[in-house]
Full PDB file with SEQRES, HELIX, SHEET, SSBOND, CRYST1, ORIGX, SCALE, CONECT and MASTER records, all heavy atoms in Angstrom:
SEQRES   1 A   34  SER VAL ALA GLU ARG ARG GLY ARG ALA GLN ALA ALA SER          
SEQRES   2 A   34  LEU ARG ALA THR ARG THR ASP THR VAL ALA ARG ARG VAL          
SEQRES   3 A   34  ASP PRO ASP GLY GLY GLU ASN ALA                              
HELIX    1 AA1 VAL A    2  THR A   17  1                                  16    
CRYST1    1.000    1.000    1.000  90.00  90.00  90.00 P 1           1          
ORIGX1      1.000000  0.000000  0.000000        0.00000                         
ORIGX2      0.000000  1.000000  0.000000        0.00000                         
ORIGX3      0.000000  0.000000  1.000000        0.00000                         
SCALE1      1.000000  0.000000  0.000000        0.00000                         
SCALE2      0.000000  1.000000  0.000000        0.00000                         
SCALE3      0.000000  0.000000  1.000000        0.00000                         
ATOM      1  N   SER A   1      43.364 -94.058 -64.029  1.00  0.00           N  
ATOM      2  CA  SER A   1      44.718 -93.901 -64.562  1.00  0.00           C  
ATOM      3  C   SER A   1      45.210 -95.049 -65.385  1.00  0.00           C  
ATOM      4  O   SER A   1      46.023 -94.929 -66.447  1.00  0.00           O  
ATOM      5  CB  SER A   1      45.763 -93.875 -63.316  1.00  0.00           C  
ATOM      6  OG  SER A   1      45.484 -92.620 -62.482  1.00  0.00           O  
ATOM      7  N   VAL A   2      44.799 -96.367 -65.109  1.00  0.00           N  
ATOM      8  CA  VAL A   2      45.177 -97.464 -65.975  1.00  0.00           C  
ATOM      9  C   VAL A   2      44.524 -97.211 -67.344  1.00  0.00           C  
ATOM     10  O   VAL A   2      45.240 -97.441 -68.373  1.00  0.00           O  
ATOM     11  CB  VAL A   2      44.709 -98.786 -65.222  1.00  0.00           C  
ATOM     12  CG1 VAL A   2      44.901 -99.930 -66.306  1.00  0.00           C  
ATOM     13  CG2 VAL A   2      45.524 -99.055 -64.048  1.00  0.00           C  
ATOM     14  N   ALA A   3      43.206 -96.891 -67.355  1.00  0.00           N  
ATOM     15  CA  ALA A   3      42.623 -96.640 -68.594  1.00  0.00           C  
ATOM     16  C   ALA A   3      43.191 -95.597 -69.405  1.00  0.00           C  
ATOM     17  O   ALA A   3      43.467 -95.733 -70.629  1.00  0.00           O  
ATOM     18  CB  ALA A   3      41.231 -96.320 -68.394  1.00  0.00           C  
ATOM     19  N   GLU A   4      43.603 -94.517 -68.794  1.00  0.00           N  
ATOM     20  CA  GLU A   4      44.154 -93.364 -69.408  1.00  0.00           C  
ATOM     21  C   GLU A   4      45.688 -93.751 -69.922  1.00  0.00           C  
ATOM     22  O   GLU A   4      46.008 -93.394 -71.002  1.00  0.00           O  
ATOM     23  CB  GLU A   4      44.237 -92.133 -68.565  1.00  0.00           C  
ATOM     24  CG  GLU A   4      42.968 -91.447 -68.254  1.00  0.00           C  
ATOM     25  CD  GLU A   4      43.050 -90.267 -67.270  1.00  0.00           C  
ATOM     26  OE1 GLU A   4      44.209 -90.185 -66.848  1.00  0.00           O  
ATOM     27  OE2 GLU A   4      42.118 -89.626 -67.191  1.00  0.00           O  
ATOM     28  N   ARG A   5      46.260 -94.566 -69.129  1.00  0.00           N  
ATOM     29  CA  ARG A   5      47.653 -94.876 -69.503  1.00  0.00           C  
ATOM     30  C   ARG A   5      47.626 -95.683 -70.803  1.00  0.00           C  
ATOM     31  O   ARG A   5      48.404 -95.620 -71.650  1.00  0.00           O  
ATOM     32  CB  ARG A   5      48.313 -95.689 -68.342  1.00  0.00           C  
ATOM     33  CG  ARG A   5      49.765 -96.078 -68.678  1.00  0.00           C  
ATOM     34  CD  ARG A   5      50.389 -96.753 -67.488  1.00  0.00           C  
ATOM     35  NE  ARG A   5      51.720 -97.120 -67.739  1.00  0.00           N  
ATOM     36  CZ  ARG A   5      52.802 -96.343 -67.661  1.00  0.00           C  
ATOM     37  NH1 ARG A   5      52.678 -95.112 -67.331  1.00  0.00           N  
ATOM     38  NH2 ARG A   5      54.001 -96.745 -67.963  1.00  0.00           N  
ATOM     39  N   ARG A   6      46.594 -96.697 -70.918  1.00  0.00           N  
ATOM     40  CA  ARG A   6      46.573 -97.530 -72.159  1.00  0.00           C  
ATOM     41  C   ARG A   6      46.344 -96.527 -73.315  1.00  0.00           C  
ATOM     42  O   ARG A   6      46.938 -96.742 -74.408  1.00  0.00           O  
ATOM     43  CB  ARG A   6      45.300 -98.461 -72.027  1.00  0.00           C  
ATOM     44  CG  ARG A   6      45.606 -99.537 -71.086  1.00  0.00           C  
ATOM     45  CD  ARG A   6      44.277-100.091 -70.446  1.00  0.00           C  
ATOM     46  NE  ARG A   6      43.481-100.666 -71.516  1.00  0.00           N  
ATOM     47  CZ  ARG A   6      43.161-101.934 -71.665  1.00  0.00           C  
ATOM     48  NH1 ARG A   6      43.896-102.897 -70.993  1.00  0.00           N  
ATOM     49  NH2 ARG A   6      42.328-102.388 -72.667  1.00  0.00           N  
ATOM     50  N   GLY A   7      45.482 -95.364 -73.198  1.00  0.00           N  
ATOM     51  CA  GLY A   7      45.366 -94.578 -74.242  1.00  0.00           C  
ATOM     52  C   GLY A   7      46.552 -93.796 -74.606  1.00  0.00           C  
ATOM     53  O   GLY A   7      46.983 -93.594 -75.782  1.00  0.00           O  
ATOM     54  N   ARG A   8      47.364 -93.385 -73.601  1.00  0.00           N  
ATOM     55  CA  ARG A   8      48.580 -92.644 -73.815  1.00  0.00           C  
ATOM     56  C   ARG A   8      49.590 -93.553 -74.545  1.00  0.00           C  
ATOM     57  O   ARG A   8      50.389 -93.043 -75.446  1.00  0.00           O  
ATOM     58  CB  ARG A   8      49.099 -92.080 -72.661  1.00  0.00           C  
ATOM     59  CG  ARG A   8      48.376 -90.822 -72.166  1.00  0.00           C  
ATOM     60  CD  ARG A   8      49.101 -89.984 -71.126  1.00  0.00           C  
ATOM     61  NE  ARG A   8      49.126 -90.796 -69.811  1.00  0.00           N  
ATOM     62  CZ  ARG A   8      48.267 -90.548 -68.925  1.00  0.00           C  
ATOM     63  NH1 ARG A   8      47.250 -89.730 -69.177  1.00  0.00           N  
ATOM     64  NH2 ARG A   8      48.354 -91.241 -67.764  1.00  0.00           N  
ATOM     65  N   ALA A   9      49.638 -94.799 -74.111  1.00  0.00           N  
ATOM     66  CA  ALA A   9      50.514 -95.661 -74.766  1.00  0.00           C  
ATOM     67  C   ALA A   9      50.289 -95.942 -76.276  1.00  0.00           C  
ATOM     68  O   ALA A   9      51.050 -96.082 -77.166  1.00  0.00           O  
ATOM     69  CB  ALA A   9      50.517 -97.110 -74.123  1.00  0.00           C  
ATOM     70  N   GLN A  10      48.850 -95.900 -76.568  1.00  0.00           N  
ATOM     71  CA  GLN A  10      48.509 -96.071 -78.026  1.00  0.00           C  
ATOM     72  C   GLN A  10      48.980 -94.769 -78.686  1.00  0.00           C  
ATOM     73  O   GLN A  10      49.465 -94.934 -79.754  1.00  0.00           O  
ATOM     74  CB  GLN A  10      46.964 -96.123 -77.967  1.00  0.00           C  
ATOM     75  CG  GLN A  10      46.210 -97.320 -77.342  1.00  0.00           C  
ATOM     76  CD  GLN A  10      45.837 -98.321 -78.405  1.00  0.00           C  
ATOM     77  OE1 GLN A  10      46.174 -98.355 -79.516  1.00  0.00           O  
ATOM     78  NE2 GLN A  10      45.265 -99.289 -77.987  1.00  0.00           N  
ATOM     79  N   ALA A  11      48.806 -93.523 -78.038  1.00  0.00           N  
ATOM     80  CA  ALA A  11      49.260 -92.427 -78.757  1.00  0.00           C  
ATOM     81  C   ALA A  11      50.784 -92.400 -79.002  1.00  0.00           C  
ATOM     82  O   ALA A  11      51.330 -92.029 -80.033  1.00  0.00           O  
ATOM     83  CB  ALA A  11      48.854 -91.162 -77.900  1.00  0.00           C  
ATOM     84  N   ALA A  12      51.586 -92.990 -77.980  1.00  0.00           N  
ATOM     85  CA  ALA A  12      53.068 -92.995 -78.151  1.00  0.00           C  
ATOM     86  C   ALA A  12      53.359 -93.880 -79.347  1.00  0.00           C  
ATOM     87  O   ALA A  12      54.318 -93.608 -80.118  1.00  0.00           O  
ATOM     88  CB  ALA A  12      53.673 -93.449 -76.901  1.00  0.00           C  
ATOM     89  N   SER A  13      52.624 -95.138 -79.524  1.00  0.00           N  
ATOM     90  CA  SER A  13      52.914 -95.832 -80.537  1.00  0.00           C  
ATOM     91  C   SER A  13      52.515 -95.186 -81.933  1.00  0.00           C  
ATOM     92  O   SER A  13      53.380 -95.287 -82.912  1.00  0.00           O  
ATOM     93  CB  SER A  13      52.053 -97.173 -80.505  1.00  0.00           C  
ATOM     94  OG  SER A  13      52.098 -98.010 -81.581  1.00  0.00           O  
ATOM     95  N   LEU A  14      51.581 -94.440 -81.897  1.00  0.00           N  
ATOM     96  CA  LEU A  14      51.250 -93.569 -83.176  1.00  0.00           C  
ATOM     97  C   LEU A  14      52.283 -92.580 -83.426  1.00  0.00           C  
ATOM     98  O   LEU A  14      52.610 -92.321 -84.606  1.00  0.00           O  
ATOM     99  CB  LEU A  14      49.864 -93.053 -83.062  1.00  0.00           C  
ATOM    100  CG  LEU A  14      48.718 -93.983 -83.077  1.00  0.00           C  
ATOM    101  CD1 LEU A  14      47.377 -93.214 -82.722  1.00  0.00           C  
ATOM    102  CD2 LEU A  14      48.544 -94.561 -84.423  1.00  0.00           C  
ATOM    103  N   ARG A  15      52.802 -91.923 -82.377  1.00  0.00           N  
ATOM    104  CA  ARG A  15      53.781 -90.823 -82.616  1.00  0.00           C  
ATOM    105  C   ARG A  15      55.067 -91.493 -83.191  1.00  0.00           C  
ATOM    106  O   ARG A  15      55.840 -90.784 -84.080  1.00  0.00           O  
ATOM    107  CB  ARG A  15      54.128 -90.283 -81.265  1.00  0.00           C  
ATOM    108  CG  ARG A  15      53.056 -89.290 -80.814  1.00  0.00           C  
ATOM    109  CD  ARG A  15      53.647 -88.418 -79.578  1.00  0.00           C  
ATOM    110  NE  ARG A  15      52.675 -87.609 -79.144  1.00  0.00           N  
ATOM    111  CZ  ARG A  15      51.764 -87.901 -78.008  1.00  0.00           C  
ATOM    112  NH1 ARG A  15      52.064 -89.014 -77.391  1.00  0.00           N  
ATOM    113  NH2 ARG A  15      50.867 -87.005 -77.677  1.00  0.00           N  
ATOM    114  N   ALA A  16      55.263 -92.803 -82.829  1.00  0.00           N  
ATOM    115  CA  ALA A  16      56.541 -93.461 -83.355  1.00  0.00           C  
ATOM    116  C   ALA A  16      56.411 -93.620 -85.005  1.00  0.00           C  
ATOM    117  O   ALA A  16      57.532 -93.776 -85.603  1.00  0.00           O  
ATOM    118  CB  ALA A  16      56.661 -94.867 -82.607  1.00  0.00           C  
ATOM    119  N   THR A  17      55.126 -93.642 -85.524  1.00  0.00           N  
ATOM    120  CA  THR A  17      55.048 -93.782 -86.845  1.00  0.00           C  
ATOM    121  C   THR A  17      55.286 -92.411 -87.641  1.00  0.00           C  
ATOM    122  O   THR A  17      55.257 -92.378 -88.869  1.00  0.00           O  
ATOM    123  CB  THR A  17      53.669 -94.338 -87.268  1.00  0.00           C  
ATOM    124  OG1 THR A  17      52.642 -93.280 -86.900  1.00  0.00           O  
ATOM    125  CG2 THR A  17      53.497 -95.490 -86.490  1.00  0.00           C  
ATOM    126  N   ARG A  18      55.222 -91.297 -86.883  1.00  0.00           N  
ATOM    127  CA  ARG A  18      55.332 -89.991 -87.470  1.00  0.00           C  
ATOM    128  C   ARG A  18      56.757 -89.593 -87.662  1.00  0.00           C  
ATOM    129  O   ARG A  18      57.505 -89.655 -86.692  1.00  0.00           O  
ATOM    130  CB  ARG A  18      54.525 -89.015 -86.513  1.00  0.00           C  
ATOM    131  CG  ARG A  18      54.477 -87.658 -87.186  1.00  0.00           C  
ATOM    132  CD  ARG A  18      53.612 -86.644 -86.488  1.00  0.00           C  
ATOM    133  NE  ARG A  18      54.013 -86.673 -85.114  1.00  0.00           N  
ATOM    134  CZ  ARG A  18      53.369 -85.908 -84.121  1.00  0.00           C  
ATOM    135  NH1 ARG A  18      52.314 -85.318 -84.335  1.00  0.00           N  
ATOM    136  NH2 ARG A  18      53.743 -86.012 -82.808  1.00  0.00           N  
ATOM    137  N   THR A  19      57.122 -89.326 -88.776  1.00  0.00           N  
ATOM    138  CA  THR A  19      58.513 -89.029 -89.095  1.00  0.00           C  
ATOM    139  C   THR A  19      58.536 -87.585 -89.877  1.00  0.00           C  
ATOM    140  O   THR A  19      57.647 -87.178 -90.615  1.00  0.00           O  
ATOM    141  CB  THR A  19      59.206 -89.986 -89.967  1.00  0.00           C  
ATOM    142  OG1 THR A  19      58.399 -90.108 -91.174  1.00  0.00           O  
ATOM    143  CG2 THR A  19      59.256 -91.349 -89.330  1.00  0.00           C  
ATOM    144  N   ASP A  20      59.678 -86.877 -89.599  1.00  0.00           N  
ATOM    145  CA  ASP A  20      59.771 -85.665 -90.331  1.00  0.00           C  
ATOM    146  C   ASP A  20      60.467 -85.962 -91.670  1.00  0.00           C  
ATOM    147  O   ASP A  20      61.535 -86.563 -91.815  1.00  0.00           O  
ATOM    148  CB  ASP A  20      60.762 -84.703 -89.718  1.00  0.00           C  
ATOM    149  CG  ASP A  20      60.123 -84.157 -88.347  1.00  0.00           C  
ATOM    150  OD1 ASP A  20      58.793 -83.948 -88.339  1.00  0.00           O  
ATOM    151  OD2 ASP A  20      60.777 -83.878 -87.270  1.00  0.00           O  
ATOM    152  N   THR A  21      59.785 -85.564 -92.877  1.00  0.00           N  
ATOM    153  CA  THR A  21      60.334 -85.979 -94.144  1.00  0.00           C  
ATOM    154  C   THR A  21      60.620 -84.623 -94.937  1.00  0.00           C  
ATOM    155  O   THR A  21      60.198 -83.625 -94.597  1.00  0.00           O  
ATOM    156  CB  THR A  21      59.300 -86.769 -94.900  1.00  0.00           C  
ATOM    157  OG1 THR A  21      58.125 -85.987 -94.978  1.00  0.00           O  
ATOM    158  CG2 THR A  21      58.996 -88.135 -94.080  1.00  0.00           C  
ATOM    159  N   VAL A  22      61.399 -84.890 -95.917  1.00  0.00           N  
ATOM    160  CA  VAL A  22      61.572 -83.760 -96.878  1.00  0.00           C  
ATOM    161  C   VAL A  22      60.562 -83.936 -98.021  1.00  0.00           C  
ATOM    162  O   VAL A  22      60.561 -84.977 -98.672  1.00  0.00           O  
ATOM    163  CB  VAL A  22      63.080 -83.848 -97.412  1.00  0.00           C  
ATOM    164  CG1 VAL A  22      63.326 -82.732 -98.468  1.00  0.00           C  
ATOM    165  CG2 VAL A  22      64.050 -83.591 -96.268  1.00  0.00           C  
ATOM    166  N   ALA A  23      59.934 -82.794 -98.331  1.00  0.00           N  
ATOM    167  CA  ALA A  23      58.909 -82.875 -99.373  1.00  0.00           C  
ATOM    168  C   ALA A  23      59.485 -82.146-100.618  1.00  0.00           C  
ATOM    169  O   ALA A  23      60.153 -81.244-100.545  1.00  0.00           O  
ATOM    170  CB  ALA A  23      57.678 -82.111 -98.877  1.00  0.00           C  
ATOM    171  N   ARG A  24      59.039 -82.740-101.779  1.00  0.00           N  
ATOM    172  CA  ARG A  24      59.464 -82.206-103.045  1.00  0.00           C  
ATOM    173  C   ARG A  24      58.208 -81.237-103.524  1.00  0.00           C  
ATOM    174  O   ARG A  24      57.283 -81.732-104.124  1.00  0.00           O  
ATOM    175  CB  ARG A  24      59.622 -83.257-104.102  1.00  0.00           C  
ATOM    176  CG  ARG A  24      60.785 -84.090-103.640  1.00  0.00           C  
ATOM    177  CD  ARG A  24      60.832 -85.560-104.468  1.00  0.00           C  
ATOM    178  NE  ARG A  24      60.629 -85.345-105.931  1.00  0.00           N  
ATOM    179  CZ  ARG A  24      60.319 -86.238-106.568  1.00  0.00           C  
ATOM    180  NH1 ARG A  24      60.084 -87.382-106.156  1.00  0.00           N  
ATOM    181  NH2 ARG A  24      60.301 -86.102-108.006  1.00  0.00           N  
ATOM    182  N   ARG A  25      58.291 -79.969-103.107  1.00  0.00           N  
ATOM    183  CA  ARG A  25      57.162 -79.106-103.374  1.00  0.00           C  
ATOM    184  C   ARG A  25      57.161 -78.616-104.767  1.00  0.00           C  
ATOM    185  O   ARG A  25      58.328 -78.265-105.381  1.00  0.00           O  
ATOM    186  CB  ARG A  25      57.181 -77.853-102.390  1.00  0.00           C  
ATOM    187  CG  ARG A  25      55.871 -76.962-102.703  1.00  0.00           C  
ATOM    188  CD  ARG A  25      55.912 -76.011-101.524  1.00  0.00           C  
ATOM    189  NE  ARG A  25      57.089 -75.224-101.344  1.00  0.00           N  
ATOM    190  CZ  ARG A  25      57.279 -74.390-100.255  1.00  0.00           C  
ATOM    191  NH1 ARG A  25      56.519 -74.380 -99.265  1.00  0.00           N  
ATOM    192  NH2 ARG A  25      58.488 -73.684-100.252  1.00  0.00           N  
ATOM    193  N   VAL A  26      56.137 -78.715-105.504  1.00  0.00           N  
ATOM    194  CA  VAL A  26      55.905 -78.295-106.955  1.00  0.00           C  
ATOM    195  C   VAL A  26      55.559 -76.837-106.950  1.00  0.00           C  
ATOM    196  O   VAL A  26      54.569 -76.519-106.525  1.00  0.00           O  
ATOM    197  CB  VAL A  26      54.911 -79.179-107.551  1.00  0.00           C  
ATOM    198  CG1 VAL A  26      54.874 -78.796-109.148  1.00  0.00           C  
ATOM    199  CG2 VAL A  26      55.344 -80.657-107.597  1.00  0.00           C  
ATOM    200  N   ASP A  27      56.481 -76.129-107.755  1.00  0.00           N  
ATOM    201  CA  ASP A  27      56.152 -74.623-107.763  1.00  0.00           C  
ATOM    202  C   ASP A  27      55.191 -74.445-108.896  1.00  0.00           C  
ATOM    203  O   ASP A  27      54.939 -75.337-109.845  1.00  0.00           O  
ATOM    204  CB  ASP A  27      57.450 -73.881-108.094  1.00  0.00           C  
ATOM    205  CG  ASP A  27      58.441 -74.047-106.940  1.00  0.00           C  
ATOM    206  OD1 ASP A  27      58.102 -74.068-105.926  1.00  0.00           O  
ATOM    207  OD2 ASP A  27      59.650 -74.043-107.368  1.00  0.00           O  
ATOM    208  N   PRO A  28      54.580 -73.221-108.958  1.00  0.00           N  
ATOM    209  CA  PRO A  28      53.550 -73.005-109.952  1.00  0.00           C  
ATOM    210  C   PRO A  28      54.117 -73.094-111.388  1.00  0.00           C  
ATOM    211  O   PRO A  28      53.432 -73.395-112.400  1.00  0.00           O  
ATOM    212  CB  PRO A  28      53.073 -71.489-109.687  1.00  0.00           C  
ATOM    213  CG  PRO A  28      53.309 -71.387-108.244  1.00  0.00           C  
ATOM    214  CD  PRO A  28      54.499 -72.178-107.835  1.00  0.00           C  
ATOM    215  N   ASP A  29      55.426 -72.791-111.542  1.00  0.00           N  
ATOM    216  CA  ASP A  29      56.122 -72.946-112.920  1.00  0.00           C  
ATOM    217  C   ASP A  29      56.435 -74.261-113.271  1.00  0.00           C  
ATOM    218  O   ASP A  29      57.075 -74.436-114.358  1.00  0.00           O  
ATOM    219  CB  ASP A  29      57.306 -71.895-112.880  1.00  0.00           C  
ATOM    220  CG  ASP A  29      58.359 -72.353-111.927  1.00  0.00           C  
ATOM    221  OD1 ASP A  29      58.135 -73.355-111.201  1.00  0.00           O  
ATOM    222  OD2 ASP A  29      59.322 -71.585-111.820  1.00  0.00           O  
ATOM    223  N   GLY A  30      56.183 -75.271-112.373  1.00  0.00           N  
ATOM    224  CA  GLY A  30      56.550 -76.682-112.723  1.00  0.00           C  
ATOM    225  C   GLY A  30      57.774 -77.148-111.971  1.00  0.00           C  
ATOM    226  O   GLY A  30      58.016 -78.434-112.147  1.00  0.00           O  
ATOM    227  N   GLY A  31      58.646 -76.161-111.513  1.00  0.00           N  
ATOM    228  CA  GLY A  31      59.849 -76.615-110.828  1.00  0.00           C  
ATOM    229  C   GLY A  31      59.615 -77.179-109.529  1.00  0.00           C  
ATOM    230  O   GLY A  31      58.475 -77.223-109.060  1.00  0.00           O  
ATOM    231  N   GLU A  32      60.578 -77.806-108.932  1.00  0.00           N  
ATOM    232  CA  GLU A  32      60.571 -78.467-107.571  1.00  0.00           C  
ATOM    233  C   GLU A  32      61.586 -77.882-106.623  1.00  0.00           C  
ATOM    234  O   GLU A  32      62.603 -77.442-107.116  1.00  0.00           O  
ATOM    235  CB  GLU A  32      60.686 -79.887-107.741  1.00  0.00           C  
ATOM    236  CG  GLU A  32      59.637 -80.664-108.499  1.00  0.00           C  
ATOM    237  CD  GLU A  32      59.853 -82.143-108.450  1.00  0.00           C  
ATOM    238  OE1 GLU A  32      60.780 -82.624-107.783  1.00  0.00           O  
ATOM    239  OE2 GLU A  32      59.206 -82.839-109.218  1.00  0.00           O  
ATOM    240  N   ASN A  33      61.225 -77.894-105.316  1.00  0.00           N  
ATOM    241  CA  ASN A  33      62.306 -77.516-104.382  1.00  0.00           C  
ATOM    242  C   ASN A  33      62.020 -78.251-103.111  1.00  0.00           C  
ATOM    243  O   ASN A  33      60.867 -78.631-102.805  1.00  0.00           O  
ATOM    244  CB  ASN A  33      62.373 -75.941-104.140  1.00  0.00           C  
ATOM    245  CG  ASN A  33      60.886 -75.406-103.571  1.00  0.00           C  
ATOM    246  OD1 ASN A  33      60.577 -75.709-102.434  1.00  0.00           O  
ATOM    247  ND2 ASN A  33      60.254 -74.707-104.413  1.00  0.00           N  
ATOM    248  N   ALA A  34      63.066 -78.516-102.464  1.00  0.00           N  
ATOM    249  CA  ALA A  34      62.975 -79.536-101.218  1.00  0.00           C  
ATOM    250  C   ALA A  34      62.774 -78.676-100.039  1.00  0.00           C  
ATOM    251  O   ALA A  34      63.456 -77.692 -99.730  1.00  0.00           O  
ATOM    252  CB  ALA A  34      64.162 -80.417-101.062  1.00  0.00           C  
TER     253      ALA A  34                                                      
MASTER        0    0    0    1    0    0    0    6  252    1    0    3          
END                                                                             
């Protein structure tokens, strides 16, 4: 459990770096939409 807990803590730290962002998608005609 101690070894697994260390791994899960690492994963929680990585999740903290993941953010939901708005992407500027480029359309085939060259336009953009969020």
